[in-house]
Protein backbone atom coordinates (compact mmCIF):
# COMPACT_ATOMS: atom_id res chain seq x y z
CA MET A 1 4.02 4.18 139.00
CA ASN A 2 7.24 6.21 139.51
CA VAL A 3 9.17 3.38 137.80
CA LEU A 4 6.80 3.46 134.80
CA ALA A 5 7.13 7.27 134.59
CA SER A 6 10.95 7.02 134.58
CA LYS A 7 10.81 4.36 131.82
CA PHE A 8 8.48 6.64 129.82
CA LYS A 9 10.92 9.57 130.16
CA GLU A 10 13.84 7.32 129.13
CA VAL A 11 12.00 6.08 126.03
CA ILE A 12 10.92 9.58 124.89
CA TYR A 13 14.59 10.64 124.87
CA SER A 14 15.35 7.52 122.77
CA VAL A 15 12.62 7.72 120.12
CA LEU A 16 12.58 11.52 119.72
CA PRO A 17 15.89 11.71 117.72
CA ILE A 18 14.61 9.27 115.03
CA THR A 19 11.35 11.21 114.75
CA ILE A 20 13.19 14.54 114.41
CA ILE A 21 15.56 13.13 111.74
CA VAL A 22 12.65 11.80 109.68
CA LEU A 23 10.85 15.19 109.94
CA ILE A 24 14.04 17.08 108.89
CA LEU A 25 14.51 14.75 105.88
CA ASN A 26 10.83 15.16 104.95
CA PHE A 27 11.14 18.97 104.83
CA THR A 28 14.52 18.97 103.05
CA ILE A 29 15.71 16.24 100.67
CA ALA A 30 13.11 13.42 100.86
CA SER A 31 9.52 14.67 101.14
CA LEU A 32 6.91 12.08 102.14
CA GLU A 33 3.18 11.81 101.40
CA PHE A 34 1.06 13.40 104.15
CA ALA A 35 -0.69 10.07 104.96
CA VAL A 36 2.68 8.28 105.33
CA LEU A 37 4.06 11.03 107.59
CA VAL A 38 0.97 10.99 109.84
CA ARG A 39 1.21 7.20 110.03
CA PHE A 40 4.88 7.49 111.04
CA LEU A 41 4.09 9.99 113.81
CA THR A 42 1.23 7.79 115.06
CA GLY A 43 3.64 4.84 115.00
CA ALA A 44 6.11 6.88 117.08
CA VAL A 45 3.42 7.38 119.77
CA PHE A 46 2.70 3.62 119.75
CA VAL A 47 6.44 2.89 120.04
CA ILE A 48 6.94 5.28 122.98
CA ILE A 49 3.98 3.97 124.99
CA GLY A 50 4.65 0.33 124.03
CA LEU A 51 8.35 0.42 124.83
CA SER A 52 7.75 2.08 128.23
CA VAL A 53 5.13 -0.50 129.25
CA PHE A 54 7.27 -3.37 127.88
CA LEU A 55 10.37 -2.38 129.88
CA PHE A 56 8.24 -2.03 133.03
CA GLY A 57 6.79 -5.51 132.40
CA VAL A 58 10.23 -7.08 131.83
CA ASP A 59 11.40 -5.88 135.28
CA MET A 60 8.26 -7.30 136.91
CA GLY A 61 7.83 -10.55 134.97
CA ILE A 62 10.44 -11.86 132.50
CA THR A 63 13.60 -11.11 134.54
CA PRO A 64 12.39 -12.76 137.80
CA ILE A 65 11.29 -15.89 135.88
CA GLY A 66 14.68 -16.16 134.14
CA ASN A 67 16.61 -15.60 137.38
CA ARG A 68 14.64 -18.24 139.28
CA MET A 69 14.85 -20.76 136.45
CA GLY A 70 18.60 -20.24 136.23
CA SER A 71 18.95 -20.91 139.97
CA VAL A 72 16.81 -24.07 139.75
CA ILE A 73 18.88 -25.38 136.80
CA ALA A 74 22.19 -24.66 138.60
CA LYS A 75 21.01 -26.24 141.88
CA SER A 76 20.33 -29.55 140.10
CA ASN A 77 24.13 -29.93 139.58
CA ARG A 78 23.44 -32.37 136.75
CA ILE A 79 24.73 -31.57 133.30
CA TRP A 80 21.87 -33.44 131.55
CA VAL A 81 19.28 -31.26 133.36
CA VAL A 82 21.17 -28.12 132.28
CA VAL A 83 21.36 -29.30 128.63
CA ALA A 84 17.70 -30.46 128.53
CA ALA A 85 16.50 -27.17 130.06
CA GLY A 86 18.60 -25.19 127.56
CA LEU A 87 17.16 -27.11 124.60
CA VAL A 88 13.51 -26.73 125.66
CA LEU A 89 13.71 -23.10 126.84
CA GLY A 90 15.89 -22.04 123.89
CA PHE A 91 13.48 -23.48 121.31
CA PHE A 92 10.30 -22.01 122.81
CA ILE A 93 11.73 -18.58 123.58
CA SER A 94 13.28 -18.29 120.10
CA ILE A 95 10.21 -19.53 118.23
CA ALA A 96 8.29 -16.80 120.05
CA GLU A 97 10.70 -13.94 119.20
CA PRO A 98 8.81 -11.23 117.24
CA ASP A 99 12.00 -9.99 115.50
CA LEU A 100 12.60 -13.43 114.00
CA HIS A 101 9.06 -13.46 112.59
CA ILE A 102 9.61 -9.97 111.08
CA LEU A 103 12.83 -11.09 109.32
CA ALA A 104 11.35 -14.45 108.23
CA ASN A 105 8.36 -12.61 106.70
CA GLN A 106 10.69 -10.34 104.74
CA VAL A 107 12.75 -13.31 103.47
CA ASP A 108 9.53 -15.15 102.48
CA SER A 109 8.26 -12.03 100.67
CA VAL A 110 11.51 -11.24 98.80
CA THR A 111 12.05 -14.89 97.70
CA SER A 112 8.41 -15.38 96.57
CA GLY A 113 7.97 -18.11 99.22
CA LEU A 114 10.97 -20.18 98.07
CA ILE A 115 12.39 -19.79 101.58
CA SER A 116 9.21 -20.01 103.64
CA LYS A 117 8.68 -18.06 106.85
CA TRP A 118 8.22 -21.15 109.05
CA SER A 119 11.26 -22.99 107.64
CA ILE A 120 13.42 -20.03 108.81
CA VAL A 121 11.65 -19.75 112.20
CA LEU A 122 11.89 -23.48 113.05
CA ILE A 123 15.46 -24.03 111.80
CA VAL A 124 16.78 -20.91 113.58
CA SER A 125 14.94 -21.85 116.81
CA ALA A 126 16.52 -25.33 116.73
CA GLY A 127 19.97 -23.74 116.32
CA ILE A 128 19.37 -21.30 119.20
CA ALA A 129 18.17 -24.17 121.44
CA ALA A 130 21.33 -26.23 120.78
CA MET A 131 23.65 -23.29 121.48
CA LEU A 132 21.74 -22.15 124.59
CA ALA A 133 22.22 -25.66 126.02
CA LEU A 134 25.95 -25.44 125.18
CA GLY A 135 26.17 -21.97 126.75
CA LEU A 136 24.58 -23.09 130.03
CA ALA A 137 26.83 -26.17 130.13
CA ARG A 138 29.83 -23.81 129.65
CA ILE A 139 28.87 -21.78 132.75
CA VAL A 140 28.39 -24.88 134.89
CA GLY A 141 31.59 -26.49 133.53
CA ASN A 142 33.71 -23.31 133.99
CA ILE A 143 34.89 -23.32 130.35
CA PRO A 144 36.37 -19.91 129.29
CA LEU A 145 33.99 -17.97 127.03
CA TYR A 146 36.62 -16.89 124.48
CA LYS A 147 37.57 -20.55 123.78
CA VAL A 148 33.94 -21.49 123.03
CA LEU A 149 33.43 -18.40 120.83
CA ILE A 150 36.64 -19.04 118.85
CA ALA A 151 35.56 -22.67 118.22
CA LEU A 152 32.03 -21.65 117.15
CA TYR A 153 33.19 -18.83 114.86
CA GLY A 154 35.79 -21.23 113.43
CA ILE A 155 32.91 -23.55 112.42
CA ILE A 156 31.01 -20.53 110.98
CA GLY A 157 34.13 -19.52 109.01
CA ILE A 158 34.43 -22.98 107.43
CA LEU A 159 30.68 -23.18 106.63
CA SER A 160 30.74 -19.68 105.06
CA LEU A 161 33.12 -20.96 102.35
CA PHE A 162 30.32 -23.21 101.06
CA THR A 163 27.37 -20.81 101.62
CA THR A 164 25.84 -18.72 98.81
CA PRO A 165 25.92 -14.88 99.19
CA GLU A 166 22.10 -14.81 99.69
CA PHE A 167 22.16 -17.37 102.51
CA LEU A 168 25.27 -15.78 104.05
CA ALA A 169 23.41 -12.48 104.49
CA ILE A 170 20.25 -14.19 105.81
CA SER A 171 22.20 -16.38 108.27
CA PHE A 172 23.98 -13.44 109.95
CA ASP A 173 20.79 -11.36 109.87
CA ALA A 174 18.89 -14.22 111.54
CA SER A 175 21.48 -14.23 114.33
CA GLY A 176 20.87 -10.55 115.05
CA ALA A 177 17.10 -10.74 114.68
CA THR A 178 16.74 -13.71 117.05
CA THR A 179 18.28 -11.88 119.99
CA GLY A 180 15.49 -9.35 120.36
CA ALA A 181 13.03 -7.84 122.81
CA MET A 182 11.68 -11.18 124.02
CA THR A 183 14.74 -13.43 123.97
CA VAL A 184 17.43 -11.18 125.46
CA PRO A 185 15.84 -10.36 128.85
CA PHE A 186 15.09 -14.06 129.40
CA ILE A 187 18.54 -15.35 128.37
CA LEU A 188 20.34 -12.63 130.39
CA ALA A 189 18.28 -13.45 133.49
CA LEU A 190 18.91 -17.18 132.94
CA ALA A 191 22.69 -16.54 132.76
CA ILE A 192 22.63 -14.48 135.98
CA GLY A 193 20.53 -17.17 137.74
CA VAL A 194 22.97 -19.96 136.80
CA SER A 195 26.19 -17.97 137.40
CA SER A 196 25.00 -16.52 140.74
CA MET A 197 25.12 -20.04 142.23
CA LYS A 198 28.93 -19.99 141.91
CA LYS A 199 30.93 -19.38 145.07
CA ASP A 200 33.57 -17.31 143.24
CA SER A 201 32.00 -13.83 142.81
CA LYS A 202 34.50 -12.79 140.08
CA ALA A 203 33.67 -15.89 138.01
CA SER A 204 29.98 -15.23 138.64
CA GLU A 205 30.31 -11.65 137.33
CA LYS A 206 32.12 -12.78 134.15
CA ASP A 207 29.70 -15.66 133.47
CA SER A 208 26.68 -13.34 133.73
CA PHE A 209 27.47 -12.32 130.14
CA GLY A 210 28.22 -14.35 127.00
CA LEU A 211 25.16 -16.62 126.90
CA VAL A 212 23.37 -14.39 124.34
CA ALA A 213 26.55 -14.44 122.20
CA ILE A 214 26.79 -18.25 122.20
CA ALA A 215 23.03 -18.69 121.59
CA SER A 216 23.06 -16.28 118.61
CA THR A 217 25.74 -18.34 116.78
CA GLY A 218 23.15 -21.14 116.60
CA ALA A 219 21.08 -19.05 114.17
CA ILE A 220 24.08 -18.52 111.84
CA ILE A 221 25.14 -22.18 111.86
CA SER A 222 21.59 -23.54 111.38
CA VAL A 223 20.81 -21.31 108.34
CA MET A 224 24.19 -22.15 106.77
CA VAL A 225 23.54 -25.88 107.25
CA MET A 226 20.06 -25.33 105.77
CA SER A 227 21.64 -23.76 102.64
CA LEU A 228 23.99 -26.74 102.22
CA ILE A 229 21.20 -29.31 102.62
CA SER A 230 18.70 -27.46 100.38
CA LYS A 231 21.39 -26.81 97.72
CA THR A 232 19.48 -23.77 96.43
CA ASP A 233 21.79 -22.33 93.80
CA LYS A 234 19.69 -19.39 92.69
CA ILE A 235 17.03 -17.67 94.72
CA THR A 236 14.52 -15.77 92.62
CA GLU A 237 13.85 -12.30 93.87
CA ALA A 238 10.27 -11.02 93.98
CA PRO A 239 9.76 -7.47 92.76
CA GLU A 240 9.13 -4.85 95.43
CA ASN A 241 5.47 -3.94 95.46
CA HIS A 242 4.40 -1.79 98.37
CA ASP A 243 1.30 0.29 97.71
CA ILE A 244 1.80 2.31 100.87
CA VAL A 245 0.82 5.79 99.76
CA SER A 246 -2.78 5.02 98.74
CA SER A 247 -3.71 3.09 101.91
CA SER A 248 -5.64 4.96 104.62
CA VAL A 249 -3.81 6.68 107.48
CA PHE A 250 -4.99 4.32 110.23
CA GLY A 251 -5.88 1.29 108.08
CA LEU A 252 -2.53 -0.42 108.72
CA PHE A 253 -2.85 0.03 112.50
CA LYS A 254 -6.28 -1.68 112.52
CA GLN A 255 -4.88 -4.46 110.33
CA ASN A 256 -1.65 -5.00 112.29
CA LEU A 257 -2.93 -4.71 115.89
CA PRO A 258 -4.77 -8.10 116.00
CA LYS A 259 -1.87 -9.78 114.12
CA ALA A 260 0.64 -8.42 116.65
CA ALA A 261 -1.62 -9.43 119.57
CA LEU A 262 -1.82 -13.04 118.33
CA GLU A 263 1.93 -13.17 117.62
CA ILE A 264 2.87 -11.82 121.07
CA PHE A 265 0.30 -14.03 122.81
CA LEU A 266 1.93 -17.08 121.18
CA ALA A 267 5.31 -15.60 122.16
CA LEU A 268 4.42 -15.39 125.85
CA LEU A 269 2.30 -18.56 126.13
CA PRO A 270 5.29 -20.95 126.52
CA VAL A 271 6.76 -18.63 129.18
CA LEU A 272 3.45 -18.64 131.05
CA ILE A 273 3.21 -22.45 130.86
CA VAL A 274 6.82 -22.84 132.09
CA LEU A 275 6.10 -20.41 134.96
CA ILE A 276 3.00 -22.37 136.08
CA VAL A 277 4.80 -25.75 135.83
CA PHE A 278 7.84 -24.52 137.78
CA GLN A 279 5.64 -22.75 140.35
CA ILE A 280 3.95 -26.09 141.12
CA LEU A 281 7.17 -28.16 141.07
CA SER A 282 9.88 -25.85 142.35
CA PHE A 283 9.38 -22.08 142.74
CA LYS A 284 6.63 -22.19 145.42
CA LEU A 285 6.27 -18.40 145.27
CA SER A 286 3.86 -16.60 147.59
CA ARG A 287 0.53 -15.57 146.07
CA LYS A 288 1.60 -11.93 146.06
CA ALA A 289 4.94 -12.66 144.29
CA PHE A 290 3.22 -14.97 141.76
CA ARG A 291 0.53 -12.35 141.01
CA ARG A 292 3.25 -9.70 140.52
CA ILE A 293 5.03 -11.86 137.91
CA LEU A 294 1.71 -12.52 136.11
CA MET A 295 1.06 -8.76 136.11
CA GLY A 296 4.56 -8.26 134.68
CA LEU A 297 3.77 -10.70 131.85
CA LEU A 298 0.54 -8.79 131.13
CA PHE A 299 2.47 -5.48 130.92
CA THR A 300 5.06 -7.19 128.67
CA PHE A 301 2.25 -8.42 126.39
CA VAL A 302 0.50 -5.03 126.11
CA GLY A 303 3.80 -3.18 125.62
CA LEU A 304 5.11 -5.49 122.90
CA VAL A 305 1.77 -5.46 121.02
CA LEU A 306 1.77 -1.64 120.92
CA PHE A 307 5.50 -1.52 120.07
CA ILE A 308 5.35 -4.06 117.20
CA THR A 309 2.15 -2.46 115.82
CA GLY A 310 3.80 0.97 115.83
CA VAL A 311 6.97 -0.31 114.18
CA ASN A 312 5.16 -2.32 111.48
CA SER A 313 2.49 0.29 110.73
CA GLY A 314 4.48 3.51 110.96
CA PHE A 315 8.23 2.92 110.87
CA MET A 316 8.77 0.26 108.22
CA ASP A 317 7.18 2.07 105.26
CA VAL A 318 9.01 5.31 106.06
CA GLY A 319 12.32 3.45 106.32
CA SER A 320 11.87 1.90 102.87
CA LEU A 321 10.67 5.15 101.27
CA LEU A 322 13.51 7.23 102.71
CA GLY A 323 16.11 4.65 101.63
CA SER A 324 14.72 4.68 98.08
CA LYS A 325 14.41 8.48 97.80
CA ILE A 326 17.88 9.22 99.22
CA ALA A 327 19.55 6.55 97.04
CA LEU A 328 18.08 8.25 93.94
CA LEU A 329 19.71 11.62 94.78
CA ASP A 330 22.67 12.68 92.62
CA ASN A 331 24.98 13.07 95.63
CA LYS A 332 25.42 9.53 96.98
CA ALA A 333 27.29 10.79 100.06
CA TYR A 334 23.86 11.70 101.53
CA LEU A 335 22.99 7.99 101.77
CA ILE A 336 26.18 7.16 103.72
CA VAL A 337 25.95 10.16 106.10
CA ILE A 338 22.21 9.66 106.79
CA GLY A 339 22.84 5.92 107.24
CA PHE A 340 25.43 6.74 109.93
CA ILE A 341 23.07 9.16 111.74
CA LEU A 342 20.15 6.69 111.60
CA GLY A 343 22.34 3.89 112.99
CA LEU A 344 23.53 6.21 115.75
CA VAL A 345 20.02 7.07 116.98
CA THR A 346 18.15 3.82 116.19
CA ILE A 347 20.23 1.84 118.68
CA LEU A 348 18.93 4.15 121.43
CA ALA A 349 15.37 2.97 120.73
CA GLU A 350 16.16 -0.76 121.05
CA PRO A 351 14.31 -2.29 124.04
CA ALA A 352 16.89 -5.02 124.72
CA VAL A 353 19.74 -2.47 124.79
CA TYR A 354 18.15 -0.90 127.88
CA VAL A 355 17.80 -4.28 129.58
CA LEU A 356 21.47 -5.16 128.90
CA THR A 357 23.00 -1.77 129.81
CA HIS A 358 21.12 -1.64 133.13
CA GLN A 359 22.24 -5.21 133.86
CA ILE A 360 25.89 -4.34 133.08
CA GLU A 361 25.72 -1.39 135.52
CA ASP A 362 24.07 -3.58 138.20
CA VAL A 363 26.44 -6.57 137.85
CA THR A 364 29.55 -4.34 137.88
CA SER A 365 28.15 -2.26 140.80
CA GLY A 366 28.32 0.91 138.71
CA TYR A 367 31.97 0.43 137.63
CA VAL A 368 30.89 0.20 133.97
CA LYS A 369 28.48 3.10 133.37
CA ARG A 370 25.49 2.42 131.11
CA ARG A 371 25.90 5.80 129.36
CA VAL A 372 29.44 4.84 128.28
CA ILE A 373 28.16 1.50 126.90
CA LEU A 374 25.27 3.25 125.10
CA LEU A 375 27.57 5.83 123.48
CA THR A 376 30.05 3.14 122.37
CA LEU A 377 27.22 1.02 120.93
CA ALA A 378 25.69 4.01 119.11
CA ILE A 379 29.00 4.92 117.40
CA GLY A 380 29.64 1.27 116.44
CA VAL A 381 26.15 0.81 114.96
CA GLY A 382 26.37 4.17 113.15
CA PHE A 383 29.52 2.98 111.35
CA SER A 384 27.93 -0.39 110.50
CA VAL A 385 24.91 1.21 108.79
CA ALA A 386 27.21 3.65 106.91
CA LEU A 387 29.37 0.72 105.72
CA SER A 388 26.21 -1.11 104.57
CA MET A 389 25.27 1.91 102.44
CA VAL A 390 28.78 1.85 100.90
CA ARG A 391 28.23 -1.86 100.08
CA ILE A 392 24.95 -1.03 98.29
CA LEU A 393 26.58 1.76 96.25
CA VAL A 394 29.86 0.02 95.31
CA PRO A 395 29.44 -2.87 92.83
CA GLY A 396 31.50 -5.96 93.72
CA LEU A 397 31.79 -5.09 97.43
CA GLN A 398 30.44 -8.15 99.26
CA LEU A 399 29.28 -8.84 102.81
CA TRP A 400 32.19 -11.19 103.60
CA HIS A 401 34.66 -8.39 102.75
CA TYR A 402 33.43 -6.78 106.00
CA LEU A 403 32.59 -9.83 108.09
CA LEU A 404 35.85 -11.77 107.64
CA PRO A 405 38.30 -9.07 108.85
CA GLY A 406 35.72 -7.85 111.40
CA TYR A 407 35.32 -11.23 113.10
CA ILE A 408 39.07 -11.98 112.92
CA LEU A 409 39.69 -8.68 114.76
CA SER A 410 36.84 -9.40 117.25
CA LEU A 411 38.23 -12.84 118.10
CA ALA A 412 41.82 -11.53 118.31
CA LEU A 413 40.67 -8.89 120.84
CA THR A 414 39.26 -11.65 123.12
CA PHE A 415 42.88 -12.53 124.05
CA PHE A 416 43.65 -9.01 125.27
CA ALA A 417 40.36 -7.45 126.45
CA PRO A 418 39.21 -8.04 130.07
CA LYS A 419 37.10 -11.23 130.11
CA LEU A 420 34.09 -9.36 131.54
CA PHE A 421 34.13 -7.06 128.50
CA VAL A 422 34.42 -10.03 126.10
CA GLY A 423 31.06 -11.32 127.41
CA ILE A 424 29.51 -7.84 127.39
CA ALA A 425 30.74 -7.15 123.81
CA PHE A 426 29.47 -10.40 122.29
CA ASP A 427 26.11 -10.07 124.11
CA SER A 428 25.80 -6.47 122.89
CA GLY A 429 26.30 -7.64 119.30
CA GLY A 430 23.08 -9.62 119.49
CA VAL A 431 21.23 -7.03 121.55
CA ALA A 432 22.08 -4.11 119.22
CA SER A 433 20.14 -5.73 116.38
CA GLY A 434 16.61 -5.69 117.80
CA PRO A 435 13.15 -4.79 116.45
CA MET A 436 14.07 -1.22 115.42
CA THR A 437 17.01 -2.53 113.35
CA ALA A 438 15.05 -5.49 111.97
CA THR A 439 12.37 -3.10 110.72
CA PHE A 440 13.39 0.56 110.18
CA ILE A 441 17.09 0.05 109.31
CA LEU A 442 16.54 -3.14 107.27
CA ALA A 443 13.68 -1.45 105.38
CA PHE A 444 15.92 1.60 104.76
CA ALA A 445 18.66 -0.66 103.30
CA GLN A 446 16.19 -2.58 101.13
CA GLY A 447 14.67 0.66 99.83
CA ALA A 448 18.17 1.91 98.96
CA ALA A 449 19.15 -1.40 97.30
CA ASN A 450 15.91 -1.44 95.28
CA ALA A 451 16.61 2.09 93.97
CA THR A 452 20.29 1.35 93.12
CA GLU A 453 20.82 -0.19 89.67
CA SER A 454 23.98 -2.16 90.53
CA ALA A 455 22.46 -3.65 93.73
CA THR A 456 19.92 -6.39 94.42
CA VAL A 457 17.54 -6.49 97.39
CA MET A 458 18.23 -10.16 98.05
CA VAL A 459 22.01 -9.80 98.41
CA ASP A 460 22.61 -6.12 99.25
CA GLY A 461 19.32 -5.38 101.06
CA PHE A 462 20.03 -8.10 103.62
CA GLY A 463 23.22 -8.34 105.68
CA ILE A 464 22.81 -4.99 107.43
CA ILE A 465 21.70 -6.68 110.68
CA ALA A 466 24.87 -8.80 110.44
CA LEU A 467 27.05 -5.66 110.42
CA VAL A 468 25.02 -4.03 113.20
CA ALA A 469 25.63 -7.18 115.27
CA MET A 470 29.39 -7.21 114.49
CA THR A 471 30.60 -3.66 115.18
CA PRO A 472 29.75 -3.69 118.95
CA LEU A 473 32.07 -6.72 119.34
CA ILE A 474 35.01 -4.56 118.29
CA ALA A 475 33.86 -1.25 119.86
CA LEU A 476 33.13 -2.66 123.34
CA GLN A 477 36.27 -4.80 123.54
CA ILE A 478 38.32 -1.68 122.69
CA LEU A 479 36.38 0.08 125.47
CA GLY A 480 37.40 -2.81 127.76
CA LEU A 481 41.07 -2.27 126.85
CA LEU A 482 40.68 1.44 127.71
CA TYR A 483 39.17 0.49 131.11
CA LYS A 484 42.12 -1.90 131.62
CA LEU A 485 44.65 0.85 130.85
CA LYS A 486 42.76 3.28 133.11
CA SER A 487 42.79 0.84 136.05
CA LYS A 488 46.52 0.11 135.51
CA LYS A 489 47.27 3.84 135.41
CA GLY A 490 45.23 4.33 138.58
CA GLY A 491 47.17 1.51 140.26
CA VAL A 492 50.53 3.07 139.29
CA GLU A 493 49.44 6.49 140.59
CA LYS A 494 48.28 4.88 143.83
CA SER A 495 51.58 3.05 144.35
CA ASN A 496 53.54 6.25 143.58
CA GLY A 497 51.41 8.16 146.07
């Protein structure tokens, strides 16, 4: 219970800043209806309890399953087993990711069903599966991460030349949304399980990161290919119609709780089936250990249901309303500054960020402090949300104007940054864009785009997750270069002494 209490304390410190910012905005420049504000505060309670229980469940259930599966895959020493396992696990874990369903629902809604929810979910899951298989094969085959990433982003660069602005935004957003609360802990544990079988401890440390980065490129490539095959020249945009003020305070919670429960149950069912199958064939865990993992899965289920219900019922509406109200103010600088602050604090409430930062500290034996990673991520994401607000306000400024130089710089840094930090940076890009970004920040951007005459929700309202996923690549590799300089300086001082 001490572990659960520490998680609870950690989460309160994370969610409190967002809540305070919303309250300050409500009493100053963007007043909200009483019912909406109460719903937001109720949602905050759901998020705090849900996130605490979820993180506790991940430690008990998801991480041990991923670690053991990674070890089993690596022990087989057969490339076809590694590839087959990557394809199956990648597809089922991705299809179950709540963040992907949130984004797919928003795309379906904004395009009046022209791009259906399930077409996005299935196509993205297939892309993730293919890239997860490639990523696992890379670890086993000792192929340098930066070479694989340069090749994959080269393919993305070529495909982007033929992709419409609408699909470009959706493809990069899908990449960020897929690597969420469910997928990241499993993929990270899988990477550690496979890489820990290596005899070289340095190679093992480096290969523990990078699998999330490779897997997430599958979402971008698959949606871009989908746009080329479907040849949809013009996507019709549905008008925004959210009657959120008149609905009852707790009506949305009652409506969303069973939906979230079903969604998360379907999310965890494949994991449960895989656990049972592997327990019979390979794991052979003791009854006590097996029961502990099952208990962990139950905690994960309860936590995610409460978290997703809180986010969908309390956070999303407020995000959209604030974006709209602030965009209508005469002084447009408010939108950029508030966007930066929201990006800064929202990243602290992402569940997968906690999983990754703890893992970085564990794998590097405390050399890379989690607080340093968190601060670097927060600054990077703050800038990305601010830049997205600039894109909404400035006519003619397009998503690729940010993504092209950003990814060129990210890939150039892979040649100079320590290889451990390359993996950490590209994993963090996917992890930074979790359920809080896919809901609160995306809703904020869409509210702002809807209220800005020169912007459209379909083009300017999407793409924010793409920027949130890109800035950590640059920020953390620069941090890696600083660590490199620090260690060199320390070495020089030592030798002089």
